[in-house]
Amino acid sequence: MLRKAAREEVLILDHEKEWKLGKCILRFPEILQKILEDLLLHTLCDYLYELATTFTEFYDSCYCVEKDRQTGQIVKVNMWRLLLCEATATVMAKGFDILGIKPVQRM
């Protein structure tokens, strides 16, 4: 469903935390270029930490799946927010791969 949504959905970034996360994700190529120029991998570590904290702020403020409080039934699925989550996971995985870190799947 996410692949289909990525092709068809329009990203609606109307919450400030959505904007902040989106901008942080878009900085990944810039960070990689900087690492190639100066060969200092700590830049990537700093970026991944910033991305993780930005994602946490986003996750605390923006619901991806909205449920009815009484019944627990799903009322709305915000696909653009799920796409932001997927993009964050992809960037984090690629960053960890570059650093040679195998992330745990569950804590």
N, C-alpha and C. Protein backbone atom coordinates (compact mmCIF):
# COMPACT_ATOMS: atom_id res chain seq x y z
N MET A 1 0.82 -1.20 0.00
CA MET A 1 0.00 0.00 0.00
C MET A 1 0.87 1.26 0.00
N LEU A 2 2.02 1.20 0.71
CA LEU A 2 2.88 2.38 0.77
C LEU A 2 3.49 2.71 -0.59
N ARG A 3 3.86 1.68 -1.35
CA ARG A 3 4.42 1.94 -2.69
C ARG A 3 3.39 2.63 -3.59
N LYS A 4 2.15 2.15 -3.51
CA LYS A 4 1.09 2.76 -4.30
C LYS A 4 0.84 4.18 -3.84
N ALA A 5 0.82 4.37 -2.52
CA ALA A 5 0.61 5.72 -1.98
C ALA A 5 1.74 6.65 -2.36
N ALA A 6 2.96 6.14 -2.43
CA ALA A 6 4.10 6.98 -2.80
C ALA A 6 3.95 7.52 -4.22
N ARG A 7 3.33 6.73 -5.07
CA ARG A 7 3.12 7.18 -6.45
C ARG A 7 1.92 8.10 -6.59
N GLU A 8 0.90 7.89 -5.75
CA GLU A 8 -0.37 8.57 -5.96
C GLU A 8 -0.68 9.67 -4.95
N GLU A 9 -0.20 9.54 -3.73
CA GLU A 9 -0.54 10.50 -2.68
C GLU A 9 0.22 11.81 -2.85
N VAL A 10 -0.43 12.87 -2.45
CA VAL A 10 0.20 14.18 -2.37
C VAL A 10 0.60 14.37 -0.92
N LEU A 11 1.87 14.70 -0.70
CA LEU A 11 2.32 14.93 0.67
C LEU A 11 1.74 16.24 1.19
N ILE A 12 1.05 16.14 2.28
CA ILE A 12 0.44 17.32 2.90
C ILE A 12 1.22 17.60 4.18
N LEU A 13 2.08 18.58 4.13
CA LEU A 13 2.91 18.91 5.28
C LEU A 13 2.39 20.21 5.90
N ASP A 14 1.30 20.09 6.66
CA ASP A 14 0.72 21.30 7.23
C ASP A 14 1.02 21.46 8.72
N HIS A 15 1.64 20.47 9.32
CA HIS A 15 2.04 20.57 10.73
C HIS A 15 3.53 20.91 10.77
N GLU A 16 3.93 21.75 11.72
CA GLU A 16 5.34 22.19 11.78
C GLU A 16 6.29 21.02 11.97
N LYS A 17 5.88 19.95 12.67
CA LYS A 17 6.75 18.79 12.89
C LYS A 17 6.90 17.98 11.61
N GLU A 18 5.87 17.98 10.76
CA GLU A 18 5.98 17.32 9.45
C GLU A 18 7.02 18.04 8.60
N TRP A 19 6.95 19.36 8.59
CA TRP A 19 7.91 20.17 7.83
C TRP A 19 9.33 19.93 8.31
N LYS A 20 9.49 19.94 9.63
CA LYS A 20 10.82 19.78 10.21
C LYS A 20 11.40 18.41 9.85
N LEU A 21 10.59 17.36 9.93
CA LEU A 21 11.07 16.03 9.57
C LEU A 21 11.37 15.94 8.08
N GLY A 22 10.49 16.47 7.26
CA GLY A 22 10.71 16.45 5.81
C GLY A 22 12.01 17.14 5.42
N LYS A 23 12.27 18.30 6.01
CA LYS A 23 13.51 19.02 5.71
C LYS A 23 14.73 18.25 6.19
N CYS A 24 14.61 17.60 7.33
CA CYS A 24 15.73 16.82 7.86
C CYS A 24 16.03 15.63 6.94
N ILE A 25 15.01 14.95 6.47
CA ILE A 25 15.19 13.82 5.55
C ILE A 25 15.89 14.28 4.27
N LEU A 26 15.48 15.44 3.76
CA LEU A 26 16.05 15.94 2.50
C LEU A 26 17.52 16.35 2.62
N ARG A 27 18.02 16.50 3.83
CA ARG A 27 19.43 16.86 4.01
C ARG A 27 20.38 15.67 3.87
N PHE A 28 19.86 14.44 3.77
CA PHE A 28 20.70 13.25 3.72
C PHE A 28 21.73 13.27 2.58
N PRO A 29 21.35 13.60 1.34
CA PRO A 29 22.36 13.66 0.28
C PRO A 29 23.46 14.69 0.57
N GLU A 30 23.08 15.81 1.16
CA GLU A 30 24.06 16.84 1.52
C GLU A 30 25.05 16.30 2.56
N ILE A 31 24.57 15.56 3.52
CA ILE A 31 25.43 14.97 4.55
C ILE A 31 26.39 13.96 3.91
N LEU A 32 25.88 13.13 3.00
CA LEU A 32 26.74 12.16 2.33
C LEU A 32 27.83 12.86 1.52
N GLN A 33 27.47 13.94 0.84
CA GLN A 33 28.46 14.69 0.07
C GLN A 33 29.54 15.27 0.98
N LYS A 34 29.14 15.79 2.11
CA LYS A 34 30.10 16.35 3.07
C LYS A 34 31.06 15.27 3.57
N ILE A 35 30.54 14.08 3.83
CA ILE A 35 31.38 12.98 4.29
C ILE A 35 32.39 12.59 3.21
N LEU A 36 31.95 12.59 1.96
CA LEU A 36 32.86 12.26 0.87
C LEU A 36 33.99 13.29 0.73
N GLU A 37 33.67 14.53 1.05
CA GLU A 37 34.68 15.58 0.93
C GLU A 37 35.68 15.58 2.08
N ASP A 38 35.19 15.39 3.33
CA ASP A 38 36.12 15.51 4.46
C ASP A 38 36.44 14.18 5.16
N LEU A 39 35.75 13.10 4.76
CA LEU A 39 35.99 11.76 5.31
C LEU A 39 35.82 11.67 6.83
N LEU A 40 34.94 12.48 7.38
CA LEU A 40 34.66 12.47 8.81
C LEU A 40 33.28 11.87 9.04
N LEU A 41 33.26 10.61 9.47
CA LEU A 41 32.00 9.88 9.62
C LEU A 41 31.15 10.36 10.80
N HIS A 42 31.76 11.08 11.72
CA HIS A 42 30.96 11.56 12.86
C HIS A 42 29.85 12.50 12.39
N THR A 43 30.03 13.11 11.23
CA THR A 43 28.99 13.98 10.66
C THR A 43 27.72 13.17 10.42
N LEU A 44 27.89 11.96 9.92
CA LEU A 44 26.74 11.08 9.69
C LEU A 44 26.10 10.67 11.01
N CYS A 45 26.91 10.39 12.01
CA CYS A 45 26.38 10.03 13.33
C CYS A 45 25.55 11.18 13.91
N ASP A 46 26.07 12.39 13.81
CA ASP A 46 25.34 13.57 14.30
C ASP A 46 24.01 13.72 13.56
N TYR A 47 24.06 13.53 12.23
CA TYR A 47 22.85 13.66 11.43
C TYR A 47 21.81 12.61 11.82
N LEU A 48 22.24 11.35 11.98
CA LEU A 48 21.31 10.29 12.33
C LEU A 48 20.68 10.54 13.70
N TYR A 49 21.46 11.07 14.62
CA TYR A 49 20.91 11.42 15.94
C TYR A 49 19.86 12.53 15.79
N GLU A 50 20.17 13.54 14.99
CA GLU A 50 19.22 14.63 14.75
C GLU A 50 17.96 14.11 14.09
N LEU A 51 18.11 13.21 13.12
CA LEU A 51 16.95 12.63 12.44
C LEU A 51 16.09 11.83 13.42
N ALA A 52 16.72 11.07 14.29
CA ALA A 52 15.97 10.28 15.28
C ALA A 52 15.20 11.17 16.24
N THR A 53 15.83 12.24 16.71
CA THR A 53 15.13 13.13 17.65
C THR A 53 14.02 13.91 16.94
N THR A 54 14.25 14.29 15.69
CA THR A 54 13.22 14.98 14.92
C THR A 54 12.04 14.05 14.67
N PHE A 55 12.33 12.78 14.37
CA PHE A 55 11.26 11.82 14.16
C PHE A 55 10.45 11.63 15.45
N THR A 56 11.12 11.58 16.58
CA THR A 56 10.43 11.41 17.86
C THR A 56 9.48 12.58 18.11
N GLU A 57 9.93 13.79 17.82
CA GLU A 57 9.05 14.97 17.96
C GLU A 57 7.83 14.84 17.04
N PHE A 58 8.08 14.42 15.80
CA PHE A 58 7.00 14.23 14.83
C PHE A 58 6.01 13.18 15.32
N TYR A 59 6.54 12.05 15.78
CA TYR A 59 5.70 10.93 16.21
C TYR A 59 4.85 11.29 17.43
N ASP A 60 5.40 12.12 18.31
CA ASP A 60 4.66 12.55 19.49
C ASP A 60 3.53 13.53 19.14
N SER A 61 3.69 14.28 18.06
CA SER A 61 2.75 15.34 17.73
C SER A 61 1.75 14.98 16.63
N CYS A 62 2.12 14.06 15.75
CA CYS A 62 1.32 13.80 14.55
C CYS A 62 0.89 12.33 14.50
N TYR A 63 -0.40 12.09 14.52
CA TYR A 63 -0.91 10.73 14.45
C TYR A 63 -0.91 10.24 13.00
N CYS A 64 -0.38 9.05 12.81
CA CYS A 64 -0.42 8.43 11.48
C CYS A 64 -1.74 7.70 11.28
N VAL A 65 -2.20 7.05 12.32
CA VAL A 65 -3.47 6.33 12.30
C VAL A 65 -4.32 6.88 13.43
N GLU A 66 -5.48 7.40 13.06
CA GLU A 66 -6.39 7.97 14.06
C GLU A 66 -7.50 6.97 14.35
N LYS A 67 -7.71 6.71 15.65
CA LYS A 67 -8.73 5.76 16.07
C LYS A 67 -9.81 6.45 16.90
N ASP A 68 -11.00 5.88 16.86
CA ASP A 68 -12.10 6.34 17.70
C ASP A 68 -11.78 5.96 19.14
N ARG A 69 -11.91 6.91 20.05
CA ARG A 69 -11.56 6.66 21.46
C ARG A 69 -12.48 5.64 22.12
N GLN A 70 -13.72 5.59 21.69
CA GLN A 70 -14.70 4.70 22.32
C GLN A 70 -14.56 3.26 21.80
N THR A 71 -14.52 3.11 20.49
CA THR A 71 -14.57 1.77 19.90
C THR A 71 -13.19 1.22 19.53
N GLY A 72 -12.22 2.09 19.34
CA GLY A 72 -10.90 1.65 18.91
C GLY A 72 -10.82 1.40 17.42
N GLN A 73 -11.88 1.69 16.72
CA GLN A 73 -11.91 1.52 15.26
C GLN A 73 -11.07 2.59 14.58
N ILE A 74 -10.42 2.21 13.51
CA ILE A 74 -9.62 3.16 12.74
C ILE A 74 -10.55 4.13 12.02
N VAL A 75 -10.33 5.41 12.26
CA VAL A 75 -11.15 6.45 11.65
C VAL A 75 -10.47 6.99 10.40
N LYS A 76 -9.16 7.19 10.49
CA LYS A 76 -8.44 7.81 9.37
C LYS A 76 -6.99 7.33 9.37
N VAL A 77 -6.48 7.07 8.18
CA VAL A 77 -5.07 6.72 8.01
C VAL A 77 -4.43 7.84 7.20
N ASN A 78 -3.45 8.50 7.80
CA ASN A 78 -2.75 9.60 7.13
C ASN A 78 -1.56 9.02 6.37
N MET A 79 -1.79 8.70 5.10
CA MET A 79 -0.76 8.02 4.31
C MET A 79 0.50 8.87 4.15
N TRP A 80 0.36 10.19 4.04
CA TRP A 80 1.54 11.02 3.87
C TRP A 80 2.43 10.96 5.10
N ARG A 81 1.83 10.80 6.26
CA ARG A 81 2.62 10.67 7.48
C ARG A 81 3.30 9.30 7.55
N LEU A 82 2.59 8.28 7.08
CA LEU A 82 3.22 6.96 7.01
C LEU A 82 4.39 6.97 6.02
N LEU A 83 4.25 7.73 4.95
CA LEU A 83 5.34 7.86 3.99
C LEU A 83 6.54 8.56 4.60
N LEU A 84 6.30 9.55 5.46
CA LEU A 84 7.40 10.19 6.18
C LEU A 84 8.10 9.19 7.11
N CYS A 85 7.31 8.35 7.75
CA CYS A 85 7.89 7.31 8.62
C CYS A 85 8.74 6.35 7.81
N GLU A 86 8.24 5.94 6.67
CA GLU A 86 8.98 5.01 5.80
C GLU A 86 10.26 5.65 5.28
N ALA A 87 10.19 6.91 4.89
CA ALA A 87 11.40 7.62 4.41
C ALA A 87 12.43 7.73 5.53
N THR A 88 11.97 8.01 6.73
CA THR A 88 12.88 8.10 7.88
C THR A 88 13.56 6.75 8.12
N ALA A 89 12.78 5.68 8.09
CA ALA A 89 13.34 4.34 8.30
C ALA A 89 14.36 3.99 7.22
N THR A 90 14.08 4.37 5.99
CA THR A 90 15.00 4.08 4.89
C THR A 90 16.31 4.83 5.05
N VAL A 91 16.23 6.11 5.40
CA VAL A 91 17.44 6.91 5.59
C VAL A 91 18.24 6.40 6.78
N MET A 92 17.55 6.07 7.87
CA MET A 92 18.25 5.54 9.04
C MET A 92 18.96 4.23 8.70
N ALA A 93 18.28 3.35 7.98
CA ALA A 93 18.87 2.06 7.61
C ALA A 93 20.09 2.26 6.73
N LYS A 94 20.00 3.16 5.77
CA LYS A 94 21.14 3.42 4.88
C LYS A 94 22.29 4.03 5.66
N GLY A 95 22.00 4.94 6.56
CA GLY A 95 23.04 5.54 7.39
C GLY A 95 23.74 4.52 8.26
N PHE A 96 22.96 3.63 8.89
CA PHE A 96 23.54 2.57 9.71
C PHE A 96 24.39 1.63 8.86
N ASP A 97 23.92 1.33 7.65
CA ASP A 97 24.67 0.47 6.75
C ASP A 97 26.02 1.08 6.40
N ILE A 98 26.04 2.37 6.13
CA ILE A 98 27.30 3.06 5.82
C ILE A 98 28.25 2.99 7.00
N LEU A 99 27.72 3.12 8.20
CA LEU A 99 28.54 3.07 9.41
C LEU A 99 28.91 1.64 9.82
N GLY A 100 28.30 0.65 9.17
CA GLY A 100 28.57 -0.74 9.52
C GLY A 100 27.87 -1.20 10.78
N ILE A 101 26.76 -0.53 11.11
CA ILE A 101 25.99 -0.87 12.31
C ILE A 101 24.77 -1.68 11.90
N LYS A 102 24.58 -2.81 12.56
CA LYS A 102 23.39 -3.61 12.31
C LYS A 102 22.33 -3.23 13.34
N PRO A 103 21.28 -2.54 12.92
CA PRO A 103 20.26 -2.10 13.89
C PRO A 103 19.42 -3.27 14.40
N VAL A 104 18.96 -3.16 15.63
CA VAL A 104 18.04 -4.14 16.17
C VAL A 104 16.64 -3.85 15.60
N GLN A 105 15.89 -4.89 15.39
CA GLN A 105 14.56 -4.71 14.81
C GLN A 105 13.53 -4.35 15.87
N ARG A 106 13.83 -4.72 17.12
CA ARG A 106 12.86 -4.46 18.16
C ARG A 106 13.59 -4.34 19.49
N MET A 107 13.11 -3.43 20.34
CA MET A 107 13.72 -3.27 21.66
C MET A 107 12.74 -3.67 22.73
